[in-house]
Protein backbone atom coordinates (compact mmCIF):
# COMPACT_ATOMS: atom_id res chain seq x y z
CA MET A 1 99.01 158.29 93.71
CA MET A 2 95.36 158.15 92.69
CA LYS A 3 93.52 154.95 93.55
CA MET A 4 91.82 153.06 90.79
CA ILE A 5 88.06 152.57 90.88
CA LEU A 6 88.43 148.86 90.17
CA GLU A 7 90.78 148.45 93.14
CA ASP A 8 88.33 150.29 95.38
CA MET A 9 85.50 148.11 94.07
CA TYR A 10 87.52 144.96 94.74
CA TYR A 11 88.23 145.95 98.34
CA GLY A 12 84.66 147.14 98.91
CA ASN A 13 85.69 150.76 99.33
CA TRP A 14 83.79 152.27 96.41
CA ARG A 15 80.57 153.86 97.60
CA PRO A 16 79.32 156.36 95.00
CA SER A 17 76.42 157.53 97.17
CA GLU A 18 78.86 158.67 99.86
CA GLN A 19 80.76 160.80 97.36
CA ILE A 20 77.76 162.92 96.42
CA LYS A 21 77.68 166.23 98.27
CA SER A 22 74.75 168.35 97.13
CA THR A 23 75.46 172.02 96.68
CA ASP A 24 71.95 172.65 95.41
CA PRO A 25 70.45 175.42 97.56
CA GLU A 26 66.99 173.84 97.21
CA SER A 27 68.30 170.57 98.66
CA GLN A 28 69.84 172.44 101.57
CA LYS A 29 66.52 174.24 102.20
CA VAL A 30 64.62 170.95 102.22
CA ASN A 31 67.11 169.37 104.62
CA GLN A 32 66.85 172.40 106.90
CA LYS A 33 63.04 172.12 106.91
CA ILE A 34 63.28 168.43 107.78
CA SER A 35 65.57 169.25 110.70
CA GLU A 36 63.20 171.95 111.91
CA TYR A 37 60.18 169.63 111.73
CA MET A 38 62.04 166.86 113.52
CA GLU A 39 63.04 169.25 116.31
CA MET A 40 59.45 170.51 116.61
CA LEU A 41 58.09 166.95 116.79
CA LYS A 42 60.74 165.97 119.32
CA ASN A 43 59.60 168.83 121.57
CA LYS A 44 55.84 168.21 121.13
CA LEU A 45 55.50 164.43 121.15
CA PRO A 46 56.00 161.90 123.89
CA ALA A 47 59.43 160.23 123.61
CA VAL A 48 57.96 156.88 122.53
CA ASP A 49 56.03 158.49 119.66
CA PHE A 50 59.09 160.39 118.50
CA GLU A 51 61.09 157.14 118.55
CA HIS A 52 58.51 155.67 116.16
CA ILE A 53 58.97 158.61 113.82
CA GLU A 54 62.75 158.19 113.96
CA ALA A 55 62.35 154.48 113.19
CA MET A 56 60.13 155.35 110.23
CA PHE A 57 62.75 157.82 108.94
CA ASP A 58 65.44 155.13 109.29
CA LEU A 59 63.31 152.75 107.21
CA LEU A 60 62.63 155.48 104.66
CA SER A 61 66.35 156.17 104.43
CA GLU A 62 67.07 152.47 103.90
CA SER A 63 64.36 152.28 101.22
CA THR A 64 65.78 155.34 99.46
CA SER A 65 69.26 153.85 99.59
CA LEU A 66 68.06 150.58 98.06
CA HIS A 67 66.24 152.49 95.32
CA SER A 68 69.34 154.61 94.63
CA ALA A 69 71.47 151.48 94.36
CA ALA A 70 68.99 149.94 91.90
CA ALA A 71 68.92 153.16 89.86
CA PHE A 72 72.73 153.27 89.81
CA ILE A 73 72.95 149.64 88.66
CA HIS A 74 70.33 150.25 85.97
CA GLY A 75 72.16 153.35 84.74
CA TYR A 76 75.52 151.57 84.73
CA ARG A 77 74.10 148.62 82.80
CA THR A 78 72.39 150.93 80.32
CA GLY A 79 75.67 152.79 79.76
CA ALA A 80 77.56 149.53 79.31
CA MET A 81 74.96 148.17 76.87
CA THR A 82 75.16 151.42 74.93
CA MET A 83 78.94 151.09 74.67
CA ILE A 84 78.60 147.46 73.53
CA GLU A 85 76.11 148.51 70.88
CA VAL A 86 78.34 151.35 69.69
CA PHE A 87 81.50 149.23 69.47
CA SER A 88 79.88 146.09 68.05
CA GLY A 89 77.95 147.88 65.31
CA GLU A 90 79.28 148.31 61.81
CA LYS A 91 81.39 151.37 61.40
CA GLU A 92 79.30 153.34 58.96
CA PHE A 93 80.67 156.78 59.56
CA VAL A 94 84.05 158.22 60.48
CA ALA A 95 84.21 161.94 61.18
CA GLY A 96 80.92 162.45 59.36
CA ASN A 97 82.01 160.60 56.20
CA GLU A 98 80.63 157.28 55.02
CA LEU A 99 83.10 154.41 54.83
């Protein structure tokens, strides 16, 4: 049986960002380059300096996550407001014909 989104939301199990799996080859290339740079820096820098870079990446990831959540909320609200506008407006046309 398929779970309902509202039930998942209620129980705190609905995490849209975790459901996104990019299949974009460009995204995969970028992630590969990041991994390569991180490995290079890990090998070249003293451990303490590399730990600072990892901490910065963690903060950047948190910032990106917060921004993504805000963008999701904004998009959801915009969609909901659009639906309210559509359904609360006068029905002027049905199947291309004026009422």
